[in-house]
Amino acid sequence: MLLLGMVVGVANAAPTTEVPEQLLKRADAIKTADHVEFLKVLQQLDQNAADLPVDEQWKLRYLNAWQWAFDGNYPRATTSLRTIIEQAPDKALRLRAIGTLINILGFGHRYEEAFIQLNQLAELLPQITDKEARYAAMADAAQFLIIARQYDQAVEYADQMMKSVPDGMNGCRALYFKLHALFHGKTVRLAQNQLQEGVDLCMGANESLLANAVRTDMATLDIEQGHPVEAVHLLEGHYAEVQGYEYPALMQYFNVLLAKGYYRLGDLVKARRYALATIASAVENEISEPLGQAYDLLYRIENQQGHATEALAYHEKFMAADKGYLTDVSAGALAYQAVKQQVQTKKNEVDTLNRQNQILQLQRELDHKAMETSRLYIALLLTVLASAGFWLLRTKRSQLRFKRLATQDSLTHICSRQHFVDEAEQVLRQAARTTRSVCLVLMDLDHFKLVNDTHGHVIGDLVLKRAVAACQQHLRRNELFGRLGGEEFAILFPECTAAQAQERSERIRQAIAATPLWGETRHVVISASFGVACTDRSGYELRQLMIDADNALYRAKRDGRNRVIYGDEMDAVSEAGVASIHGAVHDERLADLPH
């Protein structure tokens, strides 16, 4: 939940007369505790901005940047924060600006840049003696690490916060971040009484927004433990209060949890209402976990009531939202590893330069040593050089390994989506010059979501690996095989006719269906549907091949699944509604392809 980490302080009663410095301090303290009063104080300060001393003008600029971020005006906030970071004379203020910028970048899914800023924050933090600025910066770091799903690191920052709570504060914010990171990191099993401690502490600090954020974790725990009545009662008791914040992120969690609670209670009318409210409160083009959960609930409700068309439409939106969320999770993890690698490389380079300086110093000393001792120093120099070379070699190997991982799907170790697209376009360009025929096959495991729902995601992952292994038995070295996402795969057959592609696909289909049942997946029977397209009909543009293969795949699913359909057969399809229902699937599957 963005911006919860961007404020430090407690609400204080307004004195009758306050000088600008007192107004600035009070405004900073009540940003979330009393946001309405904060806006009034900020307006009063803006009216007299020209009369403020230079250092207080910088503090006012930071407060305005924070408010723009809270309102969702991220471009304006980002510009102002970068100016503060580069030009403000107060290091403590620069530290706070970095922390706020980190959260904005994290919420905008610009993870790599955010991790770079986080490293700058970590380097500047030891230089700052201002307790409140340090506390706020550590809060921002913990907040971003939760957004980026690096929960262990978030707990470390929260623990540092709890050891250095500024005077006049009770540690509500530190405890909130620790509980939130532990709850979502799943490494520690929290109980309701532990979460209630966080609520009580934050209410004691007049931080009702944070208290309600903890209540979402309490409601989640109630639902997971089979107590939907308690969850609904807790959330509805504070619903109007959360609405008053006008904070979409927290409102989304309240709505989707109420939808889940009522669904568990069998009240489909209220479950639908709160699920729709979750979607209505979503920020446009924003990736969020509650949005995907709301679409999934609506799919289940419509399916339970026998509304097949509506259920399919919501299921397609759920798949799109879920895929976007999973992609965002992967992007955060990839950015973390990339920046971590960059930091390590920089550290190795600095170490190498230090060693080179030591070598130069030793060389100067050799001029003053006797010949008998010179051999010892030369041996030492060679050892240092060998050590530096060894570290540089290890760094280079790590970079190459990281690059290889970026081109592979982490679960199945076949081509990732982007790598498959890049390689396929290159093959098609070469084939177009020689007019050789190329075929694209889209494959989707049948009823795979049911496997996950019935047996769990661990078994689902094993089933995916089993299917991939069956496919690889029938693929040649020069043929591309990639995972597009979830249970969807793609195969590119170079120098292959449509008839050959259909025959190859049929063999693969039979191999998947005949895969021996073993291990933990012995109770799971799988099959797959295939859609085939060929350049003879679709041309050499990958986008058109994907469209035609996708049409054929949809026909295979609609006709009963576990079959192979060639794209030409779609010309005979004219049933009403197919185009409208299927359009969303095209948009989502082709969104990442070049135009």
Foldseek 3Di string as FASTA:
>chain_A
DFPPLLADAFADDDDPDDDLVVLLVNLRHCCQLPVVVSVVSLVVCVVCLVVDPPLSNLSSLLSVLSVCVQVVVLVVSLVSLVCCLVDPPDLLSNLSSLLNNLRSCLQVLVQLVSVVSLVVSVVSLVVDPPLRSNLSNLSSVLVSCVSLLVLVVSLVSLVVNVVRPDPPADSLSSLLSNVSSCLVNVPDDDDLVSLVVSLVRCVVRSNNVSSLVSLLSVLVVCVVVPNLVVSLVSLVVCLVVVVVSVRLVSNLSSLLSNLSSVVSVVNNVSNLVSLVVSVVSDDPPGQDPSVLSSLQSQLVSCVVVVNVLSNLLSVLVSVLSVQVNVVSNVSSVLSVVVVVLVVLLVVLVVVLVVLVVVLVVLVVVLVVDDPVCNVVSVVVNVVSVVVSVVSVVVSVVVVVVSVQVVQADPLQRAGEQVNLLVVLLVLLVVCVVVVAKKKKKKKFKPPLVVVCVPPNVVLSSVLLNLLVVLLVVLDDPPKGWYDHTDRMIMIMGTRDDQVRVQVSVLSSQVSQQPRAQDDPRNVPGIGMAMFMEMCVPQNSAPLSSVVLSVLQRVVCVVVPGSHYGYSVVSVPDDDPPPCVSCVSVSCSSCVPHDD
